[in-house]
């Protein structure tokens, strides 16, 4: 809320199926491309859900690293498809 601390806020829940459906429909009608921002904090299923509906995603190089290896950034061929960086 305005003037309040972040700890006094809340997450807003909504019908994601309805929202994505409307966004995809309107993008199709307008000939537009939709890109969903992903700052590395989305739940694991979100990336696949958006991809399966034809929405592109984003990734930040900082989060795209080899966590099982030396921690170096992943080469581009190991990034997920339909992703802008």
PDB file of N, CA and C in Angstrom:
ATOM      1  N   UNK A   1       0.826  -1.210   0.000  1.00  0.00           N
ATOM      2  CA  UNK A   1       0.000   0.000   0.000  1.00  0.00           C
ATOM      3  C   UNK A   1       0.860   1.259   0.000  1.00  0.00           C
ATOM      4  N   UNK A   2       0.348   2.322  -0.596  1.00  0.00           N
ATOM      5  CA  UNK A   2       1.093   3.577  -0.678  1.00  0.00           C
ATOM      6  C   UNK A   2       1.498   4.042   0.719  1.00  0.00           C
ATOM      7  N   UNK A   3       2.773   4.376   0.861  1.00  0.00           N
ATOM      8  CA  UNK A   3       3.291   4.865   2.125  1.00  0.00           C
ATOM      9  C   UNK A   3       3.611   3.785   3.143  1.00  0.00           C
ATOM     10  N   UNK A   4       3.344   2.540   2.808  1.00  0.00           N
ATOM     11  CA  UNK A   4       3.598   1.438   3.740  1.00  0.00           C
ATOM     12  C   UNK A   4       4.913   0.747   3.397  1.00  0.00           C
ATOM     13  N   UNK A   5       5.391  -0.041   4.324  1.00  0.00           N
ATOM     14  CA  UNK A   5       6.602  -0.824   4.096  1.00  0.00           C
ATOM     15  C   UNK A   5       6.302  -2.001   3.166  1.00  0.00           C
ATOM     16  N   UNK A   6       7.311  -2.511   2.447  1.00  0.00           N
ATOM     17  CA  UNK A   6       7.088  -3.673   1.582  1.00  0.00           C
ATOM     18  C   UNK A   6       6.526  -4.878   2.332  1.00  0.00           C
ATOM     19  N   UNK A   7       6.877  -5.015   3.593  1.00  0.00           N
ATOM     20  CA  UNK A   7       6.379  -6.152   4.373  1.00  0.00           C
ATOM     21  C   UNK A   7       4.877  -6.072   4.634  1.00  0.00           C
ATOM     22  N   UNK A   8       4.271  -4.928   4.357  1.00  0.00           N
ATOM     23  CA  UNK A   8       2.833  -4.761   4.560  1.00  0.00           C
ATOM     24  C   UNK A   8       2.038  -5.010   3.279  1.00  0.00           C
ATOM     25  N   UNK A   9       2.727  -5.359   2.208  1.00  0.00           N
ATOM     26  CA  UNK A   9       2.061  -5.638   0.936  1.00  0.00           C
ATOM     27  C   UNK A   9       1.670  -7.100   0.832  1.00  0.00           C
ATOM     28  N   UNK A  10       1.244  -7.490  -0.359  1.00  0.00           N
ATOM     29  CA  UNK A  10       0.838  -8.871  -0.590  1.00  0.00           C
ATOM     30  C   UNK A  10       0.993  -9.204  -2.068  1.00  0.00           C
ATOM     31  N   UNK A  11       1.042 -10.477  -2.373  1.00  0.00           N
ATOM     32  CA  UNK A  11       1.004 -10.914  -3.759  1.00  0.00           C
ATOM     33  C   UNK A  11      -0.446 -10.935  -4.205  1.00  0.00           C
ATOM     34  N   UNK A  12      -0.680 -10.499  -5.414  1.00  0.00           N
ATOM     35  CA  UNK A  12      -2.029 -10.540  -5.970  1.00  0.00           C
ATOM     36  C   UNK A  12      -2.154 -11.816  -6.786  1.00  0.00           C
ATOM     37  N   UNK A  13      -3.109 -12.632  -6.463  1.00  0.00           N
ATOM     38  CA  UNK A  13      -3.358 -13.877  -7.193  1.00  0.00           C
ATOM     39  C   UNK A  13      -4.464 -13.629  -8.205  1.00  0.00           C
ATOM     40  N   UNK A  14      -4.366 -14.261  -9.356  1.00  0.00           N
ATOM     41  CA  UNK A  14      -5.374 -14.105 -10.395  1.00  0.00           C
ATOM     42  C   UNK A  14      -5.448 -15.392 -11.192  1.00  0.00           C
ATOM     43  N   UNK A  15      -6.447 -15.493 -12.018  1.00  0.00           N
ATOM     44  CA  UNK A  15      -6.628 -16.663 -12.877  1.00  0.00           C
ATOM     45  C   UNK A  15      -5.641 -16.545 -14.037  1.00  0.00           C
ATOM     46  N   UNK A  16      -4.475 -17.178 -13.888  1.00  0.00           N
ATOM     47  CA  UNK A  16      -3.430 -17.030 -14.902  1.00  0.00           C
ATOM     48  C   UNK A  16      -3.864 -17.588 -16.255  1.00  0.00           C
ATOM     49  N   UNK A  17      -4.677 -18.632 -16.257  1.00  0.00           N
ATOM     50  CA  UNK A  17      -5.152 -19.191 -17.527  1.00  0.00           C
ATOM     51  C   UNK A  17      -5.972 -18.185 -18.311  1.00  0.00           C
ATOM     52  N   UNK A  18      -6.868 -17.484 -17.623  1.00  0.00           N
ATOM     53  CA  UNK A  18      -7.689 -16.466 -18.280  1.00  0.00           C
ATOM     54  C   UNK A  18      -6.828 -15.299 -18.747  1.00  0.00           C
ATOM     55  N   UNK A  19      -5.906 -14.850 -17.904  1.00  0.00           N
ATOM     56  CA  UNK A  19      -5.080 -13.700 -18.270  1.00  0.00           C
ATOM     57  C   UNK A  19      -4.185 -14.017 -19.472  1.00  0.00           C
ATOM     58  N   UNK A  20      -3.518 -15.161 -19.450  1.00  0.00           N
ATOM     59  CA  UNK A  20      -2.648 -15.530 -20.567  1.00  0.00           C
ATOM     60  C   UNK A  20      -3.474 -15.742 -21.829  1.00  0.00           C
ATOM     61  N   UNK A  21      -4.654 -16.325 -21.687  1.00  0.00           N
ATOM     62  CA  UNK A  21      -5.531 -16.508 -22.841  1.00  0.00           C
ATOM     63  C   UNK A  21      -5.894 -15.193 -23.501  1.00  0.00           C
ATOM     64  N   UNK A  22      -6.235 -14.199 -22.704  1.00  0.00           N
ATOM     65  CA  UNK A  22      -6.595 -12.884 -23.239  1.00  0.00           C
ATOM     66  C   UNK A  22      -5.386 -12.216 -23.870  1.00  0.00           C
ATOM     67  N   UNK A  23      -4.245 -12.277 -23.190  1.00  0.00           N
ATOM     68  CA  UNK A  23      -3.022 -11.670 -23.733  1.00  0.00           C
ATOM     69  C   UNK A  23      -2.656 -12.318 -25.065  1.00  0.00           C
ATOM     70  N   UNK A  24      -2.691 -13.643 -25.134  1.00  0.00           N
ATOM     71  CA  UNK A  24      -2.345 -14.350 -26.374  1.00  0.00           C
ATOM     72  C   UNK A  24      -3.334 -14.023 -27.490  1.00  0.00           C
ATOM     73  N   UNK A  25      -4.618 -13.976 -27.171  1.00  0.00           N
ATOM     74  CA  UNK A  25      -5.635 -13.650 -28.173  1.00  0.00           C
ATOM     75  C   UNK A  25      -5.435 -12.244 -28.716  1.00  0.00           C
ATOM     76  N   UNK A  26      -5.265 -11.276 -27.840  1.00  0.00           N
ATOM     77  CA  UNK A  26      -5.109  -9.890 -28.282  1.00  0.00           C
ATOM     78  C   UNK A  26      -3.796  -9.685 -29.036  1.00  0.00           C
ATOM     79  N   UNK A  27      -2.745 -10.380 -28.630  1.00  0.00           N
ATOM     80  CA  UNK A  27      -1.481 -10.291 -29.366  1.00  0.00           C
ATOM     81  C   UNK A  27      -1.655 -10.856 -30.766  1.00  0.00           C
ATOM     82  N   UNK A  28      -2.341 -11.975 -30.879  1.00  0.00           N
ATOM     83  CA  UNK A  28      -2.598 -12.579 -32.188  1.00  0.00           C
ATOM     84  C   UNK A  28      -3.401 -11.622 -33.070  1.00  0.00           C
ATOM     85  N   UNK A  29      -4.438 -11.041 -32.526  1.00  0.00           N
ATOM     86  CA  UNK A  29      -5.284 -10.116 -33.290  1.00  0.00           C
ATOM     87  C   UNK A  29      -4.504  -8.889 -33.748  1.00  0.00           C
ATOM     88  N   UNK A  30      -3.551  -8.450 -32.938  1.00  0.00           N
ATOM     89  CA  UNK A  30      -2.771  -7.256 -33.264  1.00  0.00           C
ATOM     90  C   UNK A  30      -1.503  -7.572 -34.049  1.00  0.00           C
ATOM     91  N   UNK A  31      -1.200  -8.859 -34.243  1.00  0.00           N
ATOM     92  CA  UNK A  31       0.041  -9.234 -34.917  1.00  0.00           C
ATOM     93  C   UNK A  31       1.261  -8.916 -34.068  1.00  0.00           C
ATOM     94  N   UNK A  32       1.096  -8.983 -32.757  1.00  0.00           N
ATOM     95  CA  UNK A  32       2.172  -8.625 -31.829  1.00  0.00           C
ATOM     96  C   UNK A  32       2.834  -9.872 -31.245  1.00  0.00           C
ATOM     97  N   UNK A  33       3.999  -9.679 -30.698  1.00  0.00           N
ATOM     98  CA  UNK A  33       4.735 -10.727 -29.999  1.00  0.00           C
ATOM     99  C   UNK A  33       4.709 -10.382 -28.511  1.00  0.00           C
ATOM    100  N   UNK A  34       4.481 -11.378 -27.677  1.00  0.00           N
ATOM    101  CA  UNK A  34       4.463 -11.166 -26.229  1.00  0.00           C
ATOM    102  C   UNK A  34       5.723 -11.776 -25.629  1.00  0.00           C
ATOM    103  N   UNK A  35       6.375 -11.008 -24.769  1.00  0.00           N
ATOM    104  CA  UNK A  35       7.561 -11.483 -24.071  1.00  0.00           C
ATOM    105  C   UNK A  35       7.285 -11.381 -22.574  1.00  0.00           C
ATOM    106  N   UNK A  36       7.379 -12.507 -21.877  1.00  0.00           N
ATOM    107  CA  UNK A  36       7.178 -12.524 -20.429  1.00  0.00           C
ATOM    108  C   UNK A  36       8.495 -12.332 -19.706  1.00  0.00           C
ATOM    109  N   UNK A  37       8.551 -11.334 -18.858  1.00  0.00           N
ATOM    110  CA  UNK A  37       9.771 -11.052 -18.111  1.00  0.00           C
ATOM    111  C   UNK A  37      10.006 -12.129 -17.058  1.00  0.00           C
ATOM    112  N   UNK A  38      11.226 -12.619 -16.994  1.00  0.00           N
ATOM    113  CA  UNK A  38      11.599 -13.633 -16.008  1.00  0.00           C
ATOM    114  C   UNK A  38      12.894 -13.190 -15.351  1.00  0.00           C
ATOM    115  N   UNK A  39      12.791 -12.719 -14.138  1.00  0.00           N
ATOM    116  CA  UNK A  39      13.975 -12.270 -13.410  1.00  0.00           C
ATOM    117  C   UNK A  39      14.558 -13.366 -12.529  1.00  0.00           C
ATOM    118  N   UNK A  40      14.152 -14.610 -12.823  1.00  0.00           N
ATOM    119  CA  UNK A  40      14.670 -15.737 -12.062  1.00  0.00           C
ATOM    120  C   UNK A  40      13.883 -16.036 -10.802  1.00  0.00           C
ATOM    121  N   UNK A  41      12.730 -15.399 -10.639  1.00  0.00           N
ATOM    122  CA  UNK A  41      11.949 -15.593  -9.415  1.00  0.00           C
ATOM    123  C   UNK A  41      10.604 -16.267  -9.664  1.00  0.00           C
ATOM    124  N   UNK A  42      10.343 -16.693 -10.892  1.00  0.00           N
ATOM    125  CA  UNK A  42       9.059 -17.341 -11.179  1.00  0.00           C
ATOM    126  C   UNK A  42       9.082 -18.789 -10.703  1.00  0.00           C
ATOM    127  N   UNK A  43       7.906 -19.319 -10.444  1.00  0.00           N
ATOM    128  CA  UNK A  43       7.801 -20.723 -10.055  1.00  0.00           C
ATOM    129  C   UNK A  43       8.246 -21.588 -11.229  1.00  0.00           C
ATOM    130  N   UNK A  44       8.779 -22.784 -10.968  1.00  0.00           N
ATOM    131  CA  UNK A  44       9.360 -23.618 -12.025  1.00  0.00           C
ATOM    132  C   UNK A  44       8.441 -23.898 -13.212  1.00  0.00           C
ATOM    133  N   UNK A  45       7.157 -24.031 -13.014  1.00  0.00           N
ATOM    134  CA  UNK A  45       6.239 -24.384 -14.096  1.00  0.00           C
ATOM    135  C   UNK A  45       5.936 -23.220 -15.031  1.00  0.00           C
ATOM    136  N   UNK A  46       6.217 -21.986 -14.625  1.00  0.00           N
ATOM    137  CA  UNK A  46       5.796 -20.813 -15.397  1.00  0.00           C
ATOM    138  C   UNK A  46       6.468 -20.761 -16.765  1.00  0.00           C
ATOM    139  N   UNK A  47       7.763 -21.028 -16.827  1.00  0.00           N
ATOM    140  CA  UNK A  47       8.473 -20.960 -18.111  1.00  0.00           C
ATOM    141  C   UNK A  47       7.857 -21.902 -19.142  1.00  0.00           C
ATOM    142  N   UNK A  48       7.612 -23.140 -18.750  1.00  0.00           N
ATOM    143  CA  UNK A  48       7.014 -24.111 -19.676  1.00  0.00           C
ATOM    144  C   UNK A  48       5.596 -23.703 -20.051  1.00  0.00           C
ATOM    145  N   UNK A  49       4.837 -23.216 -19.100  1.00  0.00           N
ATOM    146  CA  UNK A  49       3.453 -22.801 -19.336  1.00  0.00           C
ATOM    147  C   UNK A  49       3.393 -21.700 -20.398  1.00  0.00           C
ATOM    148  N   UNK A  50       4.243 -20.690 -20.255  1.00  0.00           N
ATOM    149  CA  UNK A  50       4.256 -19.591 -21.220  1.00  0.00           C
ATOM    150  C   UNK A  50       4.756 -20.065 -22.585  1.00  0.00           C
ATOM    151  N   UNK A  51       5.818 -20.866 -22.586  1.00  0.00           N
ATOM    152  CA  UNK A  51       6.355 -21.384 -23.847  1.00  0.00           C
ATOM    153  C   UNK A  51       5.310 -22.199 -24.595  1.00  0.00           C
ATOM    154  N   UNK A  52       4.589 -23.057 -23.889  1.00  0.00           N
ATOM    155  CA  UNK A  52       3.583 -23.910 -24.521  1.00  0.00           C
ATOM    156  C   UNK A  52       2.454 -23.107 -25.147  1.00  0.00           C
ATOM    157  N   UNK A  53       2.308 -21.855 -24.757  1.00  0.00           N
ATOM    158  CA  UNK A  53       1.265 -20.996 -25.306  1.00  0.00           C
ATOM    159  C   UNK A  53       1.817 -19.976 -26.295  1.00  0.00           C
ATOM    160  N   UNK A  54       3.083 -20.157 -26.675  1.00  0.00           N
ATOM    161  CA  UNK A  54       3.676 -19.319 -27.709  1.00  0.00           C
ATOM    162  C   UNK A  54       4.203 -17.986 -27.234  1.00  0.00           C
ATOM    163  N   UNK A  55       4.385 -17.814 -25.936  1.00  0.00           N
ATOM    164  CA  UNK A  55       4.932 -16.569 -25.414  1.00  0.00           C
ATOM    165  C   UNK A  55       6.430 -16.736 -25.196  1.00  0.00           C
ATOM    166  N   UNK A  56       7.181 -15.744 -25.628  1.00  0.00           N
ATOM    167  CA  UNK A  56       8.624 -15.764 -25.432  1.00  0.00           C
ATOM    168  C   UNK A  56       8.947 -15.443 -23.978  1.00  0.00           C
ATOM    169  N   UNK A  57      10.174 -15.731 -23.582  1.00  0.00           N
ATOM    170  CA  UNK A  57      10.618 -15.415 -22.232  1.00  0.00           C
ATOM    171  C   UNK A  57      11.904 -14.615 -22.275  1.00  0.00           C
ATOM    172  N   UNK A  58      12.379 -14.258 -21.123  1.00  0.00           N
ATOM    173  CA  UNK A  58      13.662 -13.575 -20.999  1.00  0.00           C
ATOM    174  C   UNK A  58      14.502 -14.326 -19.976  1.00  0.00           C
ATOM    175  N   UNK A  59      15.788 -14.138 -20.062  1.00  0.00           N
ATOM    176  CA  UNK A  59      16.699 -14.642 -19.038  1.00  0.00           C
ATOM    177  C   UNK A  59      17.783 -13.604 -18.836  1.00  0.00           C
ATOM    178  N   UNK A  60      18.291 -13.569 -17.651  1.00  0.00           N
ATOM    179  CA  UNK A  60      19.371 -12.649 -17.312  1.00  0.00           C
ATOM    180  C   UNK A  60      20.647 -13.472 -17.189  1.00  0.00           C
ATOM    181  N   UNK A  61      21.689 -13.034 -17.859  1.00  0.00           N
ATOM    182  CA  UNK A  61      22.948 -13.775 -17.886  1.00  0.00           C
ATOM    183  C   UNK A  61      23.406 -14.161 -16.481  1.00  0.00           C
ATOM    184  N   UNK A  62      23.226 -13.293 -15.538  1.00  0.00           N
ATOM    185  CA  UNK A  62      23.644 -13.548 -14.158  1.00  0.00           C
ATOM    186  C   UNK A  62      23.063 -14.860 -13.622  1.00  0.00           C
ATOM    187  N   UNK A  63      21.803 -15.152 -14.001  1.00  0.00           N
ATOM    188  CA  UNK A  63      21.134 -16.351 -13.504  1.00  0.00           C
ATOM    189  C   UNK A  63      21.343 -17.570 -14.403  1.00  0.00           C
ATOM    190  N   UNK A  64      21.858 -17.366 -15.602  1.00  0.00           N
ATOM    191  CA  UNK A  64      22.058 -18.468 -16.544  1.00  0.00           C
ATOM    192  C   UNK A  64      23.495 -18.960 -16.444  1.00  0.00           C
ATOM    193  N   UNK A  65      23.792 -19.663 -15.364  1.00  0.00           N
ATOM    194  CA  UNK A  65      25.150 -20.167 -15.172  1.00  0.00           C
ATOM    195  C   UNK A  65      25.122 -21.667 -14.921  1.00  0.00           C
ATOM    196  N   UNK A  66      26.280 -22.273 -15.063  1.00  0.00           N
ATOM    197  CA  UNK A  66      26.434 -23.716 -14.882  1.00  0.00           C
ATOM    198  C   UNK A  66      26.541 -24.010 -13.388  1.00  0.00           C
ATOM    199  N   UNK A  67      25.406 -24.253 -12.758  1.00  0.00           N
ATOM    200  CA  UNK A  67      25.381 -24.466 -11.312  1.00  0.00           C
ATOM    201  C   UNK A  67      26.014 -25.792 -10.908  1.00  0.00           C
ATOM    202  N   UNK A  68      26.114 -26.743 -11.846  1.00  0.00           N
ATOM    203  CA  UNK A  68      26.713 -28.042 -11.544  1.00  0.00           C
ATOM    204  C   UNK A  68      28.197 -28.089 -11.885  1.00  0.00           C
ATOM    205  N   UNK A  69      28.688 -27.054 -12.515  1.00  0.00           N
ATOM    206  CA  UNK A  69      30.087 -27.032 -12.935  1.00  0.00           C
ATOM    207  C   UNK A  69      30.845 -25.916 -12.241  1.00  0.00           C
ATOM    208  N   UNK A  70      31.516 -25.113 -13.057  1.00  0.00           N
ATOM    209  CA  UNK A  70      32.369 -24.062 -12.505  1.00  0.00           C
ATOM    210  C   UNK A  70      31.645 -22.746 -12.258  1.00  0.00           C
ATOM    211  N   UNK A  71      30.348 -22.696 -12.525  1.00  0.00           N
ATOM    212  CA  UNK A  71      29.582 -21.476 -12.293  1.00  0.00           C
ATOM    213  C   UNK A  71      29.667 -20.463 -13.415  1.00  0.00           C
ATOM    214  N   UNK A  72      30.367 -20.821 -14.490  1.00  0.00           N
ATOM    215  CA  UNK A  72      30.498 -19.905 -15.623  1.00  0.00           C
ATOM    216  C   UNK A  72      29.147 -19.755 -16.333  1.00  0.00           C
ATOM    217  N   UNK A  73      28.956 -18.644 -17.045  1.00  0.00           N
ATOM    218  CA  UNK A  73      27.713 -18.488 -17.805  1.00  0.00           C
ATOM    219  C   UNK A  73      27.536 -19.632 -18.803  1.00  0.00           C
ATOM    220  N   UNK A  74      26.299 -20.063 -18.972  1.00  0.00           N
ATOM    221  CA  UNK A  74      26.004 -21.125 -19.935  1.00  0.00           C
ATOM    222  C   UNK A  74      26.234 -20.628 -21.353  1.00  0.00           C
ATOM    223  N   UNK A  75      26.759 -21.469 -22.242  1.00  0.00           N
ATOM    224  CA  UNK A  75      26.849 -21.075 -23.646  1.00  0.00           C
ATOM    225  C   UNK A  75      25.432 -20.949 -24.220  1.00  0.00           C
ATOM    226  N   UNK A  76      25.280 -20.135 -25.223  1.00  0.00           N
ATOM    227  CA  UNK A  76      23.956 -19.843 -25.788  1.00  0.00           C
ATOM    228  C   UNK A  76      23.197 -21.100 -26.201  1.00  0.00           C
ATOM    229  N   UNK A  77      23.881 -22.118 -26.694  1.00  0.00           N
ATOM    230  CA  UNK A  77      23.183 -23.333 -27.145  1.00  0.00           C
ATOM    231  C   UNK A  77      22.546 -24.111 -25.987  1.00  0.00           C
ATOM    232  N   UNK A  78      22.885 -23.784 -24.754  1.00  0.00           N
ATOM    233  CA  UNK A  78      22.273 -24.461 -23.600  1.00  0.00           C
ATOM    234  C   UNK A  78      21.122 -23.660 -22.990  1.00  0.00           C
ATOM    235  N   UNK A  79      20.853 -22.482 -23.524  1.00  0.00           N
ATOM    236  CA  UNK A  79      19.725 -21.698 -23.032  1.00  0.00           C
ATOM    237  C   UNK A  79      18.440 -22.294 -23.593  1.00  0.00           C
ATOM    238  N   UNK A  80      17.338 -22.057 -22.947  1.00  0.00           N
ATOM    239  CA  UNK A  80      16.071 -22.587 -23.437  1.00  0.00           C
ATOM    240  C   UNK A  80      15.667 -21.878 -24.725  1.00  0.00           C
ATOM    241  N   UNK A  81      14.854 -22.560 -25.525  1.00  0.00           N
ATOM    242  CA  UNK A  81      14.385 -21.975 -26.778  1.00  0.00           C
ATOM    243  C   UNK A  81      13.394 -20.856 -26.496  1.00  0.00           C
ATOM    244  N   UNK A  82      13.231 -19.998 -27.468  1.00  0.00           N
ATOM    245  CA  UNK A  82      12.263 -18.894 -27.405  1.00  0.00           C
ATOM    246  C   UNK A  82      12.542 -17.954 -26.240  1.00  0.00           C
ATOM    247  N   UNK A  83      13.822 -17.688 -26.023  1.00  0.00           N
ATOM    248  CA  UNK A  83      14.230 -16.858 -24.898  1.00  0.00           C
ATOM    249  C   UNK A  83      15.088 -15.705 -25.405  1.00  0.00           C
ATOM    250  N   UNK A  84      14.773 -14.505 -24.964  1.00  0.00           N
ATOM    251  CA  UNK A  84      15.596 -13.339 -25.256  1.00  0.00           C
ATOM    252  C   UNK A  84      16.544 -13.142 -24.093  1.00  0.00           C
ATOM    253  N   UNK A  85      17.733 -12.648 -24.383  1.00  0.00           N
ATOM    254  CA  UNK A  85      18.673 -12.432 -23.282  1.00  0.00           C
ATOM    255  C   UNK A  85      19.213 -11.020 -23.327  1.00  0.00           C
TER     256      UNK A  85
END
